[in-house]
Amino acid sequence: MKLDQLRPHQHAIILQHHAEGAIRQRLMDLGLHPQTLIKLVRYAPLGDPIQVKVGRASVSLRIAEAKMVSVELLENRTESKE
């Protein structure tokens, strides 16, 4: 599944990026590395961008960028609002 398909408060593990060049570098600079735990916090009111939590950092990504990140959903890590 892709990162943009997660629902708010779901956790996943990043599997790989399908981006190239500057976009791939930006994702890596933001901490989106393979085998990293990520949580989708929320969608913006109009649906784009999304806010994700990577480690202790909160990051905003465009939907187009999120579609380039393959993740594996962690079913048992879905949380209610904090």
N, C-alpha and C. Protein backbone atom coordinates (compact mmCIF):
# COMPACT_ATOMS: atom_id res chain seq x y z
N MET A 1 0.84 -1.17 0.00
CA MET A 1 0.00 0.00 0.00
C MET A 1 0.90 1.24 0.00
N LYS A 2 0.33 2.35 -0.40
CA LYS A 2 1.07 3.62 -0.45
C LYS A 2 0.74 4.46 0.78
N LEU A 3 1.63 5.36 1.12
CA LEU A 3 1.48 6.20 2.30
C LEU A 3 0.20 7.02 2.25
N ASP A 4 -0.21 7.48 1.08
CA ASP A 4 -1.42 8.30 0.98
C ASP A 4 -2.70 7.51 1.24
N GLN A 5 -2.62 6.18 1.33
CA GLN A 5 -3.80 5.35 1.57
C GLN A 5 -4.06 5.09 3.05
N LEU A 6 -3.14 5.50 3.91
CA LEU A 6 -3.36 5.34 5.34
C LEU A 6 -4.47 6.26 5.80
N ARG A 7 -5.11 5.89 6.89
CA ARG A 7 -6.11 6.73 7.53
C ARG A 7 -5.45 7.38 8.75
N PRO A 8 -6.02 8.49 9.22
CA PRO A 8 -5.44 9.14 10.40
C PRO A 8 -5.27 8.18 11.57
N HIS A 9 -4.15 8.30 12.25
CA HIS A 9 -3.77 7.54 13.44
C HIS A 9 -3.34 6.10 13.14
N GLN A 10 -3.17 5.75 11.88
CA GLN A 10 -2.66 4.42 11.55
C GLN A 10 -1.14 4.49 11.47
N HIS A 11 -0.51 3.41 11.89
CA HIS A 11 0.94 3.28 11.84
C HIS A 11 1.33 2.33 10.72
N ALA A 12 2.52 2.55 10.18
CA ALA A 12 3.04 1.69 9.11
C ALA A 12 4.56 1.70 9.17
N ILE A 13 5.14 0.76 8.47
CA ILE A 13 6.59 0.69 8.28
C ILE A 13 6.88 1.05 6.82
N ILE A 14 7.82 1.95 6.61
CA ILE A 14 8.19 2.32 5.24
C ILE A 14 8.96 1.16 4.62
N LEU A 15 8.53 0.74 3.44
CA LEU A 15 9.20 -0.33 2.72
C LEU A 15 10.21 0.21 1.72
N GLN A 16 9.77 1.14 0.87
CA GLN A 16 10.68 1.71 -0.13
C GLN A 16 10.08 2.96 -0.74
N HIS A 17 10.93 3.72 -1.45
CA HIS A 17 10.50 4.91 -2.19
C HIS A 17 10.48 4.56 -3.66
N HIS A 18 9.56 5.18 -4.37
CA HIS A 18 9.53 5.03 -5.83
C HIS A 18 9.86 6.36 -6.49
N ALA A 19 10.39 7.29 -5.71
CA ALA A 19 10.77 8.61 -6.22
C ALA A 19 12.22 8.59 -6.68
N GLU A 20 12.56 9.58 -7.47
CA GLU A 20 13.93 9.72 -7.95
C GLU A 20 14.39 11.16 -7.78
N GLY A 21 15.67 11.34 -7.83
CA GLY A 21 16.25 12.68 -7.84
C GLY A 21 15.97 13.49 -6.59
N ALA A 22 15.57 14.75 -6.81
CA ALA A 22 15.39 15.69 -5.72
C ALA A 22 14.27 15.28 -4.77
N ILE A 23 13.21 14.69 -5.29
CA ILE A 23 12.11 14.27 -4.43
C ILE A 23 12.55 13.14 -3.51
N ARG A 24 13.27 12.19 -4.05
CA ARG A 24 13.80 11.10 -3.22
C ARG A 24 14.72 11.66 -2.13
N GLN A 25 15.57 12.59 -2.49
CA GLN A 25 16.48 13.19 -1.52
C GLN A 25 15.70 13.94 -0.45
N ARG A 26 14.64 14.65 -0.83
CA ARG A 26 13.82 15.38 0.15
C ARG A 26 13.18 14.41 1.13
N LEU A 27 12.63 13.31 0.63
CA LEU A 27 12.02 12.32 1.52
C LEU A 27 13.03 11.75 2.50
N MET A 28 14.21 11.47 2.01
CA MET A 28 15.27 10.95 2.88
C MET A 28 15.69 12.00 3.91
N ASP A 29 15.81 13.25 3.49
CA ASP A 29 16.19 14.33 4.41
C ASP A 29 15.14 14.52 5.50
N LEU A 30 13.87 14.25 5.19
CA LEU A 30 12.80 14.39 6.17
C LEU A 30 12.71 13.19 7.12
N GLY A 31 13.54 12.17 6.88
CA GLY A 31 13.58 11.03 7.78
C GLY A 31 12.77 9.83 7.31
N LEU A 32 12.25 9.87 6.11
CA LEU A 32 11.47 8.76 5.58
C LEU A 32 12.40 7.73 4.94
N HIS A 33 12.99 6.90 5.80
CA HIS A 33 13.93 5.87 5.39
C HIS A 33 13.24 4.51 5.44
N PRO A 34 13.64 3.56 4.59
CA PRO A 34 13.09 2.20 4.69
C PRO A 34 13.26 1.64 6.09
N GLN A 35 12.27 0.87 6.52
CA GLN A 35 12.21 0.22 7.83
C GLN A 35 11.98 1.21 8.98
N THR A 36 11.47 2.40 8.67
CA THR A 36 11.16 3.40 9.69
C THR A 36 9.67 3.39 9.98
N LEU A 37 9.31 3.51 11.25
CA LEU A 37 7.92 3.59 11.67
C LEU A 37 7.38 4.98 11.34
N ILE A 38 6.17 5.02 10.78
CA ILE A 38 5.54 6.29 10.41
C ILE A 38 4.07 6.24 10.82
N LYS A 39 3.54 7.38 11.19
CA LYS A 39 2.13 7.48 11.59
C LYS A 39 1.49 8.61 10.81
N LEU A 40 0.34 8.36 10.20
CA LEU A 40 -0.40 9.41 9.54
C LEU A 40 -1.20 10.15 10.61
N VAL A 41 -0.93 11.42 10.78
CA VAL A 41 -1.59 12.21 11.82
C VAL A 41 -2.92 12.75 11.30
N ARG A 42 -2.88 13.45 10.16
CA ARG A 42 -4.13 14.00 9.61
C ARG A 42 -3.93 14.48 8.17
N TYR A 43 -5.06 14.65 7.51
CA TYR A 43 -5.12 15.27 6.20
C TYR A 43 -5.47 16.73 6.38
N ALA A 44 -4.99 17.59 5.52
CA ALA A 44 -5.38 19.00 5.56
C ALA A 44 -6.87 19.10 5.21
N PRO A 45 -7.52 20.19 5.57
CA PRO A 45 -8.96 20.32 5.30
C PRO A 45 -9.36 20.06 3.84
N LEU A 46 -8.53 20.43 2.90
CA LEU A 46 -8.85 20.17 1.49
C LEU A 46 -8.20 18.89 0.98
N GLY A 47 -7.59 18.10 1.88
CA GLY A 47 -7.04 16.80 1.52
C GLY A 47 -5.57 16.77 1.15
N ASP A 48 -4.97 17.92 0.97
CA ASP A 48 -3.56 17.97 0.58
C ASP A 48 -2.95 19.21 1.21
N PRO A 49 -1.88 19.13 1.95
CA PRO A 49 -0.98 18.01 2.21
C PRO A 49 -1.48 17.13 3.36
N ILE A 50 -0.63 16.15 3.72
CA ILE A 50 -0.90 15.31 4.87
C ILE A 50 0.19 15.57 5.91
N GLN A 51 -0.14 15.31 7.16
CA GLN A 51 0.84 15.42 8.24
C GLN A 51 1.16 14.02 8.73
N VAL A 52 2.44 13.69 8.79
CA VAL A 52 2.88 12.39 9.29
C VAL A 52 3.86 12.61 10.43
N LYS A 53 3.99 11.62 11.26
CA LYS A 53 4.94 11.65 12.36
C LYS A 53 5.99 10.58 12.08
N VAL A 54 7.24 10.99 12.01
CA VAL A 54 8.36 10.10 11.78
C VAL A 54 9.30 10.27 12.96
N GLY A 55 9.36 9.25 13.81
CA GLY A 55 10.12 9.40 15.04
C GLY A 55 9.45 10.46 15.89
N ARG A 56 10.21 11.48 16.29
CA ARG A 56 9.65 12.57 17.09
C ARG A 56 9.33 13.79 16.23
N ALA A 57 9.58 13.70 14.94
CA ALA A 57 9.36 14.83 14.03
C ALA A 57 7.99 14.76 13.37
N SER A 58 7.40 15.91 13.18
CA SER A 58 6.14 16.02 12.46
C SER A 58 6.45 16.63 11.09
N VAL A 59 5.99 15.98 10.02
CA VAL A 59 6.36 16.35 8.65
C VAL A 59 5.10 16.49 7.81
N SER A 60 5.08 17.50 6.94
CA SER A 60 4.00 17.65 5.97
C SER A 60 4.49 17.20 4.61
N LEU A 61 3.66 16.40 3.95
CA LEU A 61 3.98 15.89 2.61
C LEU A 61 2.83 16.16 1.66
N ARG A 62 3.17 16.44 0.43
CA ARG A 62 2.14 16.52 -0.60
C ARG A 62 1.64 15.11 -0.90
N ILE A 63 0.40 15.00 -1.34
CA ILE A 63 -0.15 13.70 -1.69
C ILE A 63 0.69 13.05 -2.79
N ALA A 64 1.15 13.84 -3.75
CA ALA A 64 1.96 13.30 -4.85
C ALA A 64 3.23 12.65 -4.31
N GLU A 65 3.82 13.22 -3.26
CA GLU A 65 5.01 12.63 -2.65
C GLU A 65 4.65 11.38 -1.86
N ALA A 66 3.54 11.43 -1.14
CA ALA A 66 3.11 10.29 -0.34
C ALA A 66 2.79 9.07 -1.21
N LYS A 67 2.34 9.31 -2.43
CA LYS A 67 2.04 8.21 -3.36
C LYS A 67 3.29 7.47 -3.81
N MET A 68 4.46 8.06 -3.57
CA MET A 68 5.72 7.45 -3.99
C MET A 68 6.36 6.62 -2.90
N VAL A 69 5.70 6.50 -1.74
CA VAL A 69 6.27 5.78 -0.59
C VAL A 69 5.42 4.54 -0.32
N SER A 70 6.01 3.35 -0.48
CA SER A 70 5.32 2.10 -0.16
C SER A 70 5.48 1.81 1.32
N VAL A 71 4.37 1.42 1.95
CA VAL A 71 4.38 1.13 3.39
C VAL A 71 3.65 -0.18 3.65
N GLU A 72 3.93 -0.75 4.82
CA GLU A 72 3.22 -1.92 5.30
C GLU A 72 2.45 -1.51 6.54
N LEU A 73 1.14 -1.63 6.49
CA LEU A 73 0.28 -1.24 7.60
C LEU A 73 0.52 -2.14 8.80
N LEU A 74 0.61 -1.53 9.97
CA LEU A 74 0.73 -2.27 11.21
C LEU A 74 -0.66 -2.27 11.85
N GLU A 75 -1.39 -3.33 11.68
CA GLU A 75 -2.79 -3.41 12.13
C GLU A 75 -2.94 -3.16 13.62
N ASN A 76 -2.06 -3.70 14.42
CA ASN A 76 -2.21 -3.60 15.87
C ASN A 76 -1.73 -2.27 16.44
N ARG A 77 -1.29 -1.33 15.59
CA ARG A 77 -0.77 -0.05 16.08
C ARG A 77 -1.70 1.10 15.81
N THR A 78 -2.95 0.85 15.36
CA THR A 78 -3.89 1.94 15.14
C THR A 78 -4.30 2.50 16.49
N GLU A 79 -4.28 3.82 16.61
CA GLU A 79 -4.60 4.47 17.88
C GLU A 79 -5.80 5.38 17.72
N SER A 80 -6.44 5.65 18.83
CA SER A 80 -7.46 6.68 18.85
C SER A 80 -6.75 8.03 18.96
N LYS A 81 -7.50 9.12 18.93
CA LYS A 81 -6.88 10.44 19.03
C LYS A 81 -6.14 10.57 20.34
N GLU A 82 -4.98 11.21 20.26
CA GLU A 82 -4.15 11.41 21.45
C GLU A 82 -4.46 12.72 22.10
